Amino acid sequence: MPLILLCRFFLRMEMRGVEHVRDLRSNVILAANHPHEIDPLVLVAALPFAARHVPLIFVAKERKQYRHTGWRRYIYGGFFFKLLGALPASVGVCDYEKALHYHIAALQKGYSVCIFPMGRRHLTGDIEQAKGGVSFLTAHSGLPILPVRIIGLERMSYADFFLRRRKAVIVFGPPLYFTDISEARESNPNWTECERAAVRLMRKIMSL
């Protein structure tokens, strides 16, 4: 895919902790921080060495959530997102099983799913606002979370990208299960415990 080659060339990408991906024997839930809007492309570009996890299915917002994003509203949530493998999560239903039904089905079919627990782009100071969908997916499916930290893209302009001013470092951490990020042990945790577990996960991601 040309976009993957562009990311690898212009960002001079470096992958660390690749052994954590190679050792996995199942599909997985990738959970990453989200410093820049090109993060999905960066993650796909980082995984050719582990082809069994590609294509990734991404968790995205519904198209209507992008209507106030300027020119991006014509791209986000539409054909381009579908091309990347992004499926929408329903907003406002207060039920993770209903909100993430596409992604639950993808995991059941053997695909790996990627989710940004913050639900939006962020830097480092607001991880207490992490969303609990990632916790629900691992508890519901029994599949591991692969924590990923993307470093080097914070506040990157597109001039920085095309002039190769940045280097992207993608750090893969060891797999985690729901019991690693939660004090609860049930397979169907409530909304509050999912949110708390997501915050603990984000702390682990940002420490990679």
Foldseek 3Di string as FASTA:
>chain_A
DVLLVLCCVLQVEAEAPCVLLVPDPAAAEEEEAAQDPCVLSPVVSVCPVNCLQPPEAEEAAALVVCPPVPPCSVPPNDDVCVVSNYDYFDPDPQDLCNRCVVVLVCRVVGHHYYYHQLNDHDDPDPLLNGFLSVLLSLLQNVHWYWYKYWPWCHPNDVVCRVVSVTHIYIYIDHTDGSVRQFPDDHSHDHRVRSSSSSSSSSVVNVVD
